[in-house]
N, C-alpha and C. Protein backbone atom coordinates (compact mmCIF):
# COMPACT_ATOMS: atom_id res chain seq x y z
N MET A 1 -23.55 2.37 24.12
CA MET A 1 -22.15 1.95 24.12
C MET A 1 -21.81 1.19 22.84
N PHE A 2 -22.66 0.24 22.45
CA PHE A 2 -22.43 -0.54 21.24
C PHE A 2 -22.42 0.38 20.02
N GLU A 3 -23.38 1.30 19.98
CA GLU A 3 -23.46 2.21 18.84
C GLU A 3 -22.21 3.07 18.75
N GLU A 4 -21.72 3.55 19.90
CA GLU A 4 -20.53 4.38 19.90
C GLU A 4 -19.32 3.59 19.40
N ARG A 5 -19.20 2.34 19.82
CA ARG A 5 -18.07 1.51 19.40
C ARG A 5 -18.13 1.24 17.91
N SER A 6 -19.34 0.99 17.41
CA SER A 6 -19.51 0.71 16.00
C SER A 6 -19.05 1.90 15.16
N LYS A 7 -19.44 3.09 15.57
CA LYS A 7 -19.04 4.27 14.83
C LYS A 7 -17.54 4.49 14.94
N ARG A 8 -16.98 4.23 16.11
CA ARG A 8 -15.58 4.50 16.35
C ARG A 8 -14.68 3.56 15.55
N MET A 9 -15.12 2.33 15.36
CA MET A 9 -14.27 1.35 14.71
C MET A 9 -14.84 0.91 13.36
N SER A 10 -15.25 1.87 12.57
CA SER A 10 -15.88 1.55 11.29
C SER A 10 -14.93 1.68 10.11
N SER A 11 -13.66 2.06 10.36
CA SER A 11 -12.75 2.23 9.24
C SER A 11 -11.33 1.80 9.62
N VAL A 12 -10.57 1.46 8.57
CA VAL A 12 -9.16 1.13 8.75
C VAL A 12 -8.36 1.89 7.70
N GLU A 13 -7.32 2.58 8.14
CA GLU A 13 -6.43 3.28 7.23
C GLU A 13 -5.30 2.34 6.81
N PHE A 14 -4.99 2.35 5.53
CA PHE A 14 -3.97 1.48 4.96
C PHE A 14 -2.88 2.35 4.33
N PHE A 15 -1.76 2.48 5.04
CA PHE A 15 -0.61 3.22 4.51
C PHE A 15 0.29 2.23 3.77
N TYR A 16 0.59 2.53 2.53
CA TYR A 16 1.30 1.56 1.70
C TYR A 16 2.12 2.25 0.62
N ASP A 17 3.03 1.49 0.03
CA ASP A 17 3.79 1.89 -1.15
C ASP A 17 3.72 0.70 -2.10
N TYR A 18 3.48 0.96 -3.38
CA TYR A 18 3.37 -0.14 -4.35
C TYR A 18 4.65 -0.96 -4.44
N GLY A 19 5.78 -0.39 -4.07
CA GLY A 19 7.04 -1.12 -4.12
C GLY A 19 7.25 -2.09 -2.98
N SER A 20 6.34 -2.13 -2.03
CA SER A 20 6.45 -3.05 -0.90
C SER A 20 5.67 -4.33 -1.20
N PRO A 21 6.35 -5.47 -1.32
CA PRO A 21 5.63 -6.72 -1.61
C PRO A 21 4.66 -7.11 -0.51
N TYR A 22 5.00 -6.80 0.74
CA TYR A 22 4.09 -7.13 1.82
C TYR A 22 2.85 -6.23 1.81
N SER A 23 3.00 -5.02 1.29
CA SER A 23 1.82 -4.17 1.11
C SER A 23 0.90 -4.78 0.06
N TYR A 24 1.49 -5.34 -0.99
CA TYR A 24 0.69 -6.03 -2.01
C TYR A 24 -0.08 -7.19 -1.40
N LEU A 25 0.60 -8.00 -0.61
CA LEU A 25 -0.07 -9.14 0.01
C LEU A 25 -1.20 -8.67 0.93
N ALA A 26 -0.94 -7.60 1.69
CA ALA A 26 -1.97 -7.06 2.56
C ALA A 26 -3.16 -6.58 1.75
N ASP A 27 -2.89 -5.95 0.63
CA ASP A 27 -3.96 -5.42 -0.22
C ASP A 27 -4.89 -6.54 -0.71
N THR A 28 -4.32 -7.70 -0.98
CA THR A 28 -5.16 -8.82 -1.45
C THR A 28 -6.13 -9.30 -0.37
N ARG A 29 -5.89 -8.93 0.87
CA ARG A 29 -6.71 -9.40 1.99
C ARG A 29 -7.71 -8.36 2.48
N LEU A 30 -7.57 -7.13 2.01
CA LEU A 30 -8.38 -6.05 2.55
C LEU A 30 -9.86 -6.19 2.23
N ALA A 31 -10.19 -6.63 1.03
CA ALA A 31 -11.60 -6.75 0.67
C ALA A 31 -12.30 -7.75 1.58
N GLY A 32 -11.64 -8.87 1.88
CA GLY A 32 -12.22 -9.86 2.78
C GLY A 32 -12.37 -9.32 4.18
N LEU A 33 -11.38 -8.58 4.65
CA LEU A 33 -11.46 -7.98 5.97
C LEU A 33 -12.64 -7.02 6.05
N ALA A 34 -12.80 -6.21 5.03
CA ALA A 34 -13.90 -5.25 5.02
C ALA A 34 -15.25 -5.95 5.00
N ALA A 35 -15.33 -7.04 4.23
CA ALA A 35 -16.59 -7.78 4.15
C ALA A 35 -16.96 -8.41 5.49
N ARG A 36 -15.96 -8.92 6.20
CA ARG A 36 -16.23 -9.58 7.48
C ARG A 36 -16.57 -8.60 8.59
N THR A 37 -15.98 -7.41 8.54
CA THR A 37 -16.14 -6.47 9.64
C THR A 37 -17.09 -5.33 9.34
N GLY A 38 -17.39 -5.11 8.06
CA GLY A 38 -18.21 -3.96 7.69
C GLY A 38 -17.44 -2.66 7.70
N ALA A 39 -16.11 -2.74 7.83
CA ALA A 39 -15.28 -1.55 7.90
C ALA A 39 -15.10 -0.92 6.53
N SER A 40 -14.94 0.40 6.51
CA SER A 40 -14.57 1.09 5.28
C SER A 40 -13.04 1.15 5.22
N LEU A 41 -12.51 1.19 4.00
CA LEU A 41 -11.07 1.18 3.80
C LEU A 41 -10.62 2.55 3.31
N LEU A 42 -9.60 3.09 3.96
CA LEU A 42 -9.03 4.37 3.58
C LEU A 42 -7.62 4.12 3.07
N TYR A 43 -7.41 4.26 1.77
CA TYR A 43 -6.11 4.00 1.17
C TYR A 43 -5.24 5.25 1.28
N ARG A 44 -4.03 5.10 1.85
CA ARG A 44 -3.15 6.24 2.12
C ARG A 44 -1.79 5.99 1.45
N PRO A 45 -1.66 6.30 0.17
CA PRO A 45 -0.39 6.08 -0.53
C PRO A 45 0.70 7.01 -0.03
N LEU A 46 1.82 6.44 0.42
CA LEU A 46 2.96 7.21 0.92
C LEU A 46 4.21 6.83 0.14
N LEU A 47 5.29 7.56 0.40
CA LEU A 47 6.58 7.23 -0.21
C LEU A 47 7.43 6.51 0.83
N LEU A 48 7.61 5.22 0.65
CA LEU A 48 8.32 4.42 1.65
C LEU A 48 9.77 4.88 1.79
N GLY A 49 10.38 5.29 0.68
CA GLY A 49 11.74 5.80 0.76
C GLY A 49 11.83 7.02 1.65
N GLY A 50 10.79 7.87 1.60
CA GLY A 50 10.75 9.05 2.45
C GLY A 50 10.59 8.68 3.92
N VAL A 51 9.79 7.65 4.19
CA VAL A 51 9.62 7.16 5.55
C VAL A 51 10.94 6.61 6.08
N PHE A 52 11.63 5.82 5.26
CA PHE A 52 12.91 5.26 5.68
C PHE A 52 13.92 6.37 5.99
N LYS A 53 13.95 7.38 5.13
CA LYS A 53 14.89 8.48 5.35
C LYS A 53 14.59 9.23 6.64
N ALA A 54 13.30 9.44 6.90
CA ALA A 54 12.91 10.22 8.08
C ALA A 54 13.12 9.45 9.38
N THR A 55 13.01 8.12 9.32
CA THR A 55 13.07 7.31 10.54
C THR A 55 14.39 6.57 10.74
N GLY A 56 15.22 6.53 9.71
CA GLY A 56 16.46 5.77 9.82
C GLY A 56 16.27 4.28 9.57
N ASN A 57 15.08 3.90 9.13
CA ASN A 57 14.79 2.50 8.84
C ASN A 57 15.29 2.15 7.44
N GLN A 58 15.23 0.87 7.07
CA GLN A 58 15.61 0.45 5.74
C GLN A 58 14.82 -0.78 5.33
N SER A 59 14.79 -1.03 4.05
CA SER A 59 14.09 -2.20 3.53
C SER A 59 14.75 -3.48 4.04
N PRO A 60 13.94 -4.50 4.38
CA PRO A 60 14.54 -5.78 4.79
C PRO A 60 15.34 -6.43 3.66
N PHE A 61 15.09 -6.00 2.43
CA PHE A 61 15.78 -6.60 1.30
C PHE A 61 17.17 -6.01 1.07
N VAL A 62 17.54 -5.00 1.88
CA VAL A 62 18.92 -4.51 1.87
C VAL A 62 19.56 -4.75 3.23
N GLU A 63 18.99 -5.66 3.98
CA GLU A 63 19.53 -6.06 5.28
C GLU A 63 20.98 -6.52 5.10
N PRO A 64 21.93 -5.97 5.89
CA PRO A 64 23.35 -6.32 5.71
C PRO A 64 23.70 -7.74 6.14
N VAL A 65 22.90 -8.35 7.01
CA VAL A 65 23.19 -9.72 7.43
C VAL A 65 22.62 -10.68 6.38
N GLU A 66 23.49 -11.38 5.68
CA GLU A 66 23.07 -12.21 4.55
C GLU A 66 22.06 -13.29 4.96
N ALA A 67 22.32 -13.96 6.07
CA ALA A 67 21.41 -15.02 6.51
C ALA A 67 20.02 -14.47 6.81
N LYS A 68 19.98 -13.30 7.40
CA LYS A 68 18.69 -12.66 7.71
C LYS A 68 17.97 -12.25 6.42
N ARG A 69 18.74 -11.74 5.46
CA ARG A 69 18.17 -11.34 4.18
C ARG A 69 17.58 -12.56 3.45
N ARG A 70 18.29 -13.68 3.48
CA ARG A 70 17.77 -14.90 2.87
C ARG A 70 16.49 -15.35 3.56
N TYR A 71 16.46 -15.21 4.87
CA TYR A 71 15.28 -15.61 5.62
C TYR A 71 14.07 -14.76 5.26
N PHE A 72 14.28 -13.46 5.08
CA PHE A 72 13.18 -12.58 4.67
C PHE A 72 12.57 -13.08 3.36
N SER A 73 13.42 -13.50 2.42
CA SER A 73 12.94 -14.01 1.14
C SER A 73 12.14 -15.29 1.33
N THR A 74 12.61 -16.15 2.24
CA THR A 74 11.90 -17.39 2.54
C THR A 74 10.53 -17.09 3.13
N GLU A 75 10.48 -16.14 4.06
CA GLU A 75 9.21 -15.76 4.69
C GLU A 75 8.24 -15.19 3.67
N LEU A 76 8.75 -14.43 2.71
CA LEU A 76 7.88 -13.88 1.67
C LEU A 76 7.27 -15.01 0.84
N ARG A 77 8.07 -15.99 0.46
CA ARG A 77 7.54 -17.12 -0.31
C ARG A 77 6.49 -17.88 0.49
N ARG A 78 6.72 -18.04 1.78
CA ARG A 78 5.75 -18.73 2.63
C ARG A 78 4.44 -17.96 2.70
N ALA A 79 4.53 -16.65 2.83
CA ALA A 79 3.32 -15.82 2.91
C ALA A 79 2.52 -15.90 1.62
N VAL A 80 3.21 -15.86 0.49
CA VAL A 80 2.54 -15.97 -0.81
C VAL A 80 1.84 -17.31 -0.92
N SER A 81 2.53 -18.38 -0.53
CA SER A 81 1.96 -19.72 -0.61
C SER A 81 0.74 -19.86 0.30
N ARG A 82 0.84 -19.32 1.49
CA ARG A 82 -0.26 -19.45 2.45
C ARG A 82 -1.50 -18.72 1.96
N LEU A 83 -1.30 -17.55 1.34
CA LEU A 83 -2.44 -16.77 0.88
C LEU A 83 -2.98 -17.28 -0.46
N GLY A 84 -2.15 -17.99 -1.21
CA GLY A 84 -2.59 -18.53 -2.48
C GLY A 84 -2.85 -17.46 -3.53
N VAL A 85 -2.05 -16.39 -3.51
CA VAL A 85 -2.24 -15.28 -4.46
C VAL A 85 -1.21 -15.36 -5.57
N THR A 86 -1.51 -14.71 -6.68
CA THR A 86 -0.56 -14.62 -7.77
C THR A 86 0.52 -13.62 -7.42
N PHE A 87 1.77 -14.03 -7.52
CA PHE A 87 2.88 -13.16 -7.17
C PHE A 87 4.11 -13.57 -7.96
N GLU A 88 4.77 -12.58 -8.55
CA GLU A 88 6.04 -12.81 -9.22
C GLU A 88 7.01 -11.72 -8.79
N HIS A 89 8.22 -12.10 -8.48
CA HIS A 89 9.23 -11.10 -8.11
C HIS A 89 9.48 -10.19 -9.31
N ASN A 90 9.39 -8.88 -9.09
CA ASN A 90 9.60 -7.93 -10.18
C ASN A 90 11.09 -7.87 -10.51
N PRO A 91 11.47 -8.14 -11.76
CA PRO A 91 12.90 -8.16 -12.11
C PRO A 91 13.57 -6.79 -12.00
N HIS A 92 12.78 -5.72 -11.91
CA HIS A 92 13.32 -4.37 -11.80
C HIS A 92 13.46 -3.91 -10.35
N PHE A 93 13.04 -4.76 -9.43
CA PHE A 93 13.06 -4.43 -8.00
C PHE A 93 14.50 -4.35 -7.50
N PRO A 94 14.84 -3.35 -6.64
CA PRO A 94 13.96 -2.31 -6.10
C PRO A 94 13.74 -1.17 -7.09
N ILE A 95 12.55 -0.62 -7.08
CA ILE A 95 12.16 0.44 -8.00
C ILE A 95 11.96 1.74 -7.22
N ASN A 96 12.43 2.83 -7.78
CA ASN A 96 12.14 4.14 -7.21
C ASN A 96 10.67 4.46 -7.49
N THR A 97 9.86 4.52 -6.45
CA THR A 97 8.42 4.64 -6.64
C THR A 97 7.90 6.08 -6.51
N LEU A 98 8.79 7.06 -6.53
CA LEU A 98 8.37 8.45 -6.36
C LEU A 98 7.31 8.85 -7.38
N ALA A 99 7.59 8.63 -8.67
CA ALA A 99 6.63 9.01 -9.71
C ALA A 99 5.34 8.22 -9.57
N LEU A 100 5.47 6.96 -9.21
CA LEU A 100 4.30 6.09 -9.10
C LEU A 100 3.39 6.51 -7.96
N MET A 101 3.97 6.85 -6.82
CA MET A 101 3.14 7.23 -5.68
C MET A 101 2.53 8.62 -5.87
N ARG A 102 3.21 9.49 -6.59
CA ARG A 102 2.59 10.76 -6.96
C ARG A 102 1.41 10.51 -7.89
N ALA A 103 1.58 9.54 -8.79
CA ALA A 103 0.49 9.20 -9.71
C ALA A 103 -0.72 8.66 -8.96
N ALA A 104 -0.49 7.96 -7.85
CA ALA A 104 -1.61 7.47 -7.05
C ALA A 104 -2.45 8.63 -6.53
N HIS A 105 -1.79 9.69 -6.09
CA HIS A 105 -2.52 10.86 -5.60
C HIS A 105 -3.21 11.58 -6.75
N ALA A 106 -2.59 11.56 -7.93
CA ALA A 106 -3.25 12.14 -9.11
C ALA A 106 -4.51 11.36 -9.44
N ALA A 107 -4.45 10.04 -9.32
CA ALA A 107 -5.61 9.19 -9.59
C ALA A 107 -6.74 9.47 -8.61
N VAL A 108 -6.38 9.75 -7.36
CA VAL A 108 -7.39 10.14 -6.37
C VAL A 108 -8.07 11.43 -6.81
N ALA A 109 -7.28 12.42 -7.21
CA ALA A 109 -7.82 13.71 -7.62
C ALA A 109 -8.71 13.59 -8.85
N LEU A 110 -8.41 12.63 -9.73
CA LEU A 110 -9.17 12.44 -10.95
C LEU A 110 -10.32 11.44 -10.79
N ASP A 111 -10.49 10.94 -9.56
CA ASP A 111 -11.58 10.01 -9.23
C ASP A 111 -11.50 8.71 -10.03
N VAL A 112 -10.29 8.21 -10.23
CA VAL A 112 -10.11 6.92 -10.92
C VAL A 112 -9.21 6.02 -10.07
N PHE A 113 -9.15 6.28 -8.76
CA PHE A 113 -8.18 5.57 -7.94
C PHE A 113 -8.41 4.06 -7.92
N ASP A 114 -9.65 3.60 -7.79
CA ASP A 114 -9.89 2.16 -7.67
C ASP A 114 -9.31 1.39 -8.86
N ARG A 115 -9.57 1.88 -10.07
CA ARG A 115 -9.05 1.21 -11.27
C ARG A 115 -7.53 1.35 -11.35
N PHE A 116 -7.04 2.52 -11.02
CA PHE A 116 -5.59 2.75 -11.00
C PHE A 116 -4.92 1.77 -10.05
N HIS A 117 -5.44 1.67 -8.84
CA HIS A 117 -4.85 0.85 -7.80
C HIS A 117 -4.76 -0.62 -8.23
N ALA A 118 -5.86 -1.15 -8.73
CA ALA A 118 -5.86 -2.55 -9.17
C ALA A 118 -4.90 -2.78 -10.33
N THR A 119 -4.85 -1.83 -11.24
CA THR A 119 -3.98 -1.94 -12.42
C THR A 119 -2.52 -1.92 -12.02
N ILE A 120 -2.16 -1.00 -11.15
CA ILE A 120 -0.76 -0.85 -10.76
C ILE A 120 -0.27 -2.05 -9.96
N TYR A 121 -1.06 -2.52 -9.03
CA TYR A 121 -0.60 -3.67 -8.24
C TYR A 121 -0.41 -4.90 -9.13
N ARG A 122 -1.31 -5.10 -10.09
CA ARG A 122 -1.16 -6.24 -11.01
C ARG A 122 0.12 -6.08 -11.84
N ALA A 123 0.35 -4.89 -12.35
CA ALA A 123 1.52 -4.66 -13.19
C ALA A 123 2.82 -4.82 -12.41
N PHE A 124 2.80 -4.42 -11.15
CA PHE A 124 4.02 -4.45 -10.34
C PHE A 124 4.36 -5.86 -9.89
N TRP A 125 3.38 -6.58 -9.34
CA TRP A 125 3.69 -7.84 -8.65
C TRP A 125 3.17 -9.11 -9.33
N THR A 126 2.56 -8.98 -10.50
CA THR A 126 2.21 -10.19 -11.24
C THR A 126 2.76 -10.16 -12.66
N VAL A 127 2.96 -8.95 -13.21
CA VAL A 127 3.48 -8.82 -14.57
C VAL A 127 4.97 -8.47 -14.55
N GLY A 128 5.39 -7.67 -13.57
CA GLY A 128 6.80 -7.31 -13.46
C GLY A 128 7.20 -6.11 -14.29
N SER A 129 6.29 -5.15 -14.46
CA SER A 129 6.58 -3.95 -15.24
C SER A 129 7.54 -3.03 -14.50
N ASN A 130 8.33 -2.28 -15.27
CA ASN A 130 9.26 -1.32 -14.68
C ASN A 130 8.52 -0.02 -14.37
N LEU A 131 7.86 0.01 -13.24
CA LEU A 131 7.02 1.16 -12.90
C LEU A 131 7.79 2.30 -12.26
N GLY A 132 9.10 2.28 -12.35
CA GLY A 132 9.89 3.44 -12.00
C GLY A 132 10.00 4.39 -13.17
N ASP A 133 9.55 3.96 -14.33
CA ASP A 133 9.60 4.74 -15.56
C ASP A 133 8.22 5.34 -15.84
N PRO A 134 8.07 6.67 -15.80
CA PRO A 134 6.76 7.28 -16.04
C PRO A 134 6.15 6.89 -17.38
N GLY A 135 7.00 6.64 -18.39
CA GLY A 135 6.48 6.20 -19.68
C GLY A 135 5.82 4.84 -19.59
N VAL A 136 6.41 3.95 -18.80
CA VAL A 136 5.82 2.63 -18.60
C VAL A 136 4.52 2.76 -17.80
N ILE A 137 4.52 3.61 -16.79
CA ILE A 137 3.30 3.84 -16.01
C ILE A 137 2.18 4.28 -16.93
N GLU A 138 2.48 5.24 -17.79
CA GLU A 138 1.47 5.75 -18.73
C GLU A 138 0.93 4.65 -19.63
N GLU A 139 1.83 3.82 -20.15
CA GLU A 139 1.41 2.75 -21.06
C GLU A 139 0.58 1.69 -20.35
N VAL A 140 0.99 1.32 -19.14
CA VAL A 140 0.24 0.33 -18.37
C VAL A 140 -1.18 0.82 -18.11
N LEU A 141 -1.31 2.09 -17.73
CA LEU A 141 -2.63 2.66 -17.46
C LEU A 141 -3.46 2.74 -18.73
N ARG A 142 -2.83 3.12 -19.83
CA ARG A 142 -3.55 3.21 -21.11
C ARG A 142 -4.08 1.85 -21.52
N ALA A 143 -3.27 0.82 -21.33
CA ALA A 143 -3.70 -0.53 -21.70
C ALA A 143 -4.89 -1.00 -20.87
N ALA A 144 -5.05 -0.42 -19.68
CA ALA A 144 -6.17 -0.78 -18.80
C ALA A 144 -7.39 0.11 -19.02
N GLY A 145 -7.31 0.97 -20.02
CA GLY A 145 -8.46 1.80 -20.34
C GLY A 145 -8.50 3.12 -19.60
N LEU A 146 -7.41 3.46 -18.92
CA LEU A 146 -7.33 4.73 -18.20
C LEU A 146 -6.56 5.75 -19.05
N ASP A 147 -6.74 7.01 -18.73
CA ASP A 147 -6.02 8.06 -19.43
C ASP A 147 -4.66 8.23 -18.77
N GLY A 148 -3.72 7.38 -19.19
CA GLY A 148 -2.40 7.38 -18.58
C GLY A 148 -1.68 8.70 -18.72
N LYS A 149 -1.85 9.34 -19.86
CA LYS A 149 -1.18 10.61 -20.09
C LYS A 149 -1.67 11.67 -19.12
N GLU A 150 -2.98 11.72 -18.89
CA GLU A 150 -3.54 12.70 -17.97
C GLU A 150 -3.07 12.45 -16.54
N ILE A 151 -3.07 11.18 -16.12
CA ILE A 151 -2.66 10.84 -14.76
C ILE A 151 -1.19 11.17 -14.53
N VAL A 152 -0.34 10.78 -15.47
CA VAL A 152 1.09 11.05 -15.32
C VAL A 152 1.36 12.55 -15.37
N SER A 153 0.64 13.25 -16.24
CA SER A 153 0.80 14.70 -16.32
C SER A 153 0.45 15.37 -15.00
N LEU A 154 -0.68 14.98 -14.41
CA LEU A 154 -1.10 15.56 -13.14
C LEU A 154 -0.15 15.17 -12.01
N SER A 155 0.44 13.98 -12.10
CA SER A 155 1.36 13.53 -11.06
C SER A 155 2.60 14.42 -10.98
N ARG A 156 2.88 15.14 -12.04
CA ARG A 156 4.05 16.02 -12.07
C ARG A 156 3.74 17.42 -11.56
N GLU A 157 2.47 17.67 -11.29
CA GLU A 157 2.07 18.99 -10.81
C GLU A 157 2.29 19.11 -9.30
N ASP A 158 2.37 20.36 -8.86
CA ASP A 158 2.67 20.62 -7.45
C ASP A 158 1.64 20.01 -6.50
N GLU A 159 0.37 19.95 -6.91
CA GLU A 159 -0.66 19.44 -6.00
C GLU A 159 -0.44 17.95 -5.70
N SER A 160 -0.01 17.19 -6.70
CA SER A 160 0.25 15.76 -6.47
C SER A 160 1.50 15.57 -5.63
N LYS A 161 2.52 16.36 -5.91
CA LYS A 161 3.75 16.29 -5.12
C LYS A 161 3.46 16.63 -3.65
N ALA A 162 2.68 17.68 -3.46
CA ALA A 162 2.35 18.12 -2.09
C ALA A 162 1.50 17.08 -1.37
N ALA A 163 0.58 16.45 -2.10
CA ALA A 163 -0.30 15.45 -1.48
C ALA A 163 0.51 14.25 -0.99
N LEU A 164 1.46 13.79 -1.80
CA LEU A 164 2.30 12.65 -1.39
C LEU A 164 3.18 13.04 -0.21
N ARG A 165 3.75 14.21 -0.27
CA ARG A 165 4.60 14.67 0.82
C ARG A 165 3.81 14.78 2.13
N ALA A 166 2.59 15.29 2.03
CA ALA A 166 1.75 15.46 3.22
C ALA A 166 1.38 14.12 3.84
N THR A 167 1.02 13.15 3.00
CA THR A 167 0.66 11.83 3.52
C THR A 167 1.86 11.14 4.16
N THR A 168 3.03 11.28 3.52
CA THR A 168 4.25 10.68 4.06
C THR A 168 4.63 11.33 5.39
N ASP A 169 4.57 12.65 5.43
CA ASP A 169 4.90 13.37 6.67
C ASP A 169 3.92 13.02 7.78
N GLU A 170 2.64 12.91 7.44
CA GLU A 170 1.63 12.54 8.44
C GLU A 170 1.92 11.16 9.00
N ALA A 171 2.25 10.22 8.10
CA ALA A 171 2.54 8.86 8.54
C ALA A 171 3.69 8.83 9.53
N VAL A 172 4.77 9.52 9.20
CA VAL A 172 5.93 9.56 10.09
C VAL A 172 5.56 10.18 11.43
N ALA A 173 4.77 11.26 11.40
CA ALA A 173 4.36 11.93 12.63
C ALA A 173 3.51 11.02 13.51
N ARG A 174 2.80 10.08 12.88
CA ARG A 174 1.94 9.17 13.63
C ARG A 174 2.67 7.89 14.05
N GLY A 175 3.96 7.79 13.74
CA GLY A 175 4.75 6.66 14.20
C GLY A 175 5.04 5.60 13.16
N VAL A 176 4.67 5.83 11.92
CA VAL A 176 4.90 4.84 10.86
C VAL A 176 6.39 4.77 10.54
N PHE A 177 6.92 3.55 10.40
CA PHE A 177 8.33 3.36 10.07
C PHE A 177 8.51 2.41 8.89
N GLY A 178 7.41 1.86 8.37
CA GLY A 178 7.47 0.95 7.24
C GLY A 178 6.08 0.71 6.69
N ALA A 179 6.01 -0.22 5.73
CA ALA A 179 4.72 -0.52 5.10
C ALA A 179 4.61 -2.03 4.86
N PRO A 180 3.39 -2.55 4.99
CA PRO A 180 2.12 -1.84 5.23
C PRO A 180 1.93 -1.50 6.71
N THR A 181 1.29 -0.36 6.93
CA THR A 181 0.89 0.04 8.27
C THR A 181 -0.59 0.37 8.27
N PHE A 182 -1.28 -0.07 9.32
CA PHE A 182 -2.72 0.14 9.43
C PHE A 182 -3.02 0.94 10.69
N PHE A 183 -4.08 1.72 10.63
CA PHE A 183 -4.59 2.39 11.81
C PHE A 183 -6.07 2.09 11.96
N VAL A 184 -6.45 1.70 13.15
CA VAL A 184 -7.85 1.64 13.56
C VAL A 184 -7.98 2.69 14.64
N ASP A 185 -8.67 3.77 14.34
CA ASP A 185 -8.61 4.97 15.18
C ASP A 185 -7.14 5.38 15.29
N ASP A 186 -6.63 5.53 16.51
CA ASP A 186 -5.23 5.93 16.68
C ASP A 186 -4.32 4.75 16.98
N GLU A 187 -4.84 3.54 16.90
CA GLU A 187 -4.04 2.35 17.20
C GLU A 187 -3.36 1.86 15.93
N MET A 188 -2.04 1.74 15.98
CA MET A 188 -1.25 1.37 14.81
C MET A 188 -0.90 -0.11 14.81
N PHE A 189 -0.91 -0.70 13.61
CA PHE A 189 -0.52 -2.10 13.41
C PHE A 189 0.42 -2.13 12.21
N PHE A 190 1.56 -2.80 12.35
CA PHE A 190 2.53 -2.86 11.26
C PHE A 190 2.64 -4.29 10.72
N GLY A 191 2.57 -4.41 9.40
CA GLY A 191 2.87 -5.67 8.74
C GLY A 191 1.66 -6.47 8.30
N ASN A 192 1.83 -7.14 7.16
CA ASN A 192 0.80 -8.03 6.64
C ASN A 192 0.45 -9.13 7.63
N ASP A 193 1.42 -9.54 8.44
CA ASP A 193 1.19 -10.62 9.40
C ASP A 193 0.51 -10.16 10.68
N ARG A 194 0.10 -8.89 10.73
CA ARG A 194 -0.65 -8.39 11.89
C ARG A 194 -2.10 -8.06 11.55
N MET A 195 -2.53 -8.51 10.38
CA MET A 195 -3.89 -8.16 9.96
C MET A 195 -4.97 -8.85 10.79
N ASP A 196 -4.60 -9.96 11.44
CA ASP A 196 -5.57 -10.58 12.34
C ASP A 196 -5.85 -9.68 13.53
N LEU A 197 -4.82 -8.93 13.96
CA LEU A 197 -5.02 -8.00 15.06
C LEU A 197 -5.81 -6.77 14.61
N VAL A 198 -5.63 -6.38 13.36
CA VAL A 198 -6.44 -5.29 12.79
C VAL A 198 -7.91 -5.69 12.82
N GLU A 199 -8.18 -6.91 12.38
CA GLU A 199 -9.56 -7.39 12.36
C GLU A 199 -10.13 -7.49 13.77
N GLU A 200 -9.31 -7.93 14.70
CA GLU A 200 -9.75 -8.02 16.08
C GLU A 200 -10.11 -6.64 16.63
N ALA A 201 -9.28 -5.63 16.29
CA ALA A 201 -9.55 -4.28 16.75
C ALA A 201 -10.83 -3.72 16.15
N LEU A 202 -11.10 -4.09 14.90
CA LEU A 202 -12.33 -3.64 14.26
C LEU A 202 -13.54 -4.33 14.86
N GLY A 203 -13.36 -5.58 15.28
CA GLY A 203 -14.46 -6.35 15.84
C GLY A 203 -15.24 -7.03 14.73
N SER A 204 -14.84 -8.24 14.38
CA SER A 204 -15.44 -8.96 13.28
C SER A 204 -16.95 -9.06 13.43
N GLY A 205 -17.63 -8.40 12.48
CA GLY A 205 -19.09 -8.46 12.47
C GLY A 205 -19.77 -7.50 13.41
N ASP A 206 -19.02 -6.86 14.34
CA ASP A 206 -19.66 -6.03 15.35
C ASP A 206 -20.25 -4.75 14.79
N ASN A 207 -19.69 -4.25 13.67
CA ASN A 207 -20.16 -2.96 13.18
C ASN A 207 -21.00 -3.09 11.92
N GLN A 208 -21.74 -4.17 11.80
CA GLN A 208 -22.61 -4.33 10.66
C GLN A 208 -24.05 -4.00 11.00
N GLY A 209 -24.27 -3.46 12.22
CA GLY A 209 -25.61 -2.98 12.53
C GLY A 209 -26.41 -3.99 13.31
């Protein structure tokens, strides 16, 4: 029974969009979660705009109730302070992340995803780069020692477009309505503030053998 549970709960899927600040905050916590639980991490880059369109949802930062919108900003500042991470509001926000999320799938295909992922999150939420511009994406990647031209070029190909569309469609089919969203087996958890429940589902330390 223990062995079966360990195998069953050995991974967590992380559906995210680089344009989601709460996805960034969640990402800063994933390495610690994996270390404590022994879980493997499956990064699933999706297009949040596509999820919103398919589900009728919208970003909390375009919430029509002004008081509620202000509160969301307050909660974000509190979350950043509590986690003690580096965070700066991107002056170009909101950014159309279509090209960027296609580039994430290109990075997967080129086997450079880990470096790409770290570089992009830093550029988006600590440097404030305009990552809606493919030229800026290319330059940011080049400065980090990656072949930005190759990644951006592949991101424009049908395989990268199809990969992003497939991940986004899969997420919606599985009940995703925003980001970050996590899955432990078929159990879904939404939001950076639910990561304690993700860890509980994984079983802290239970799957380390």
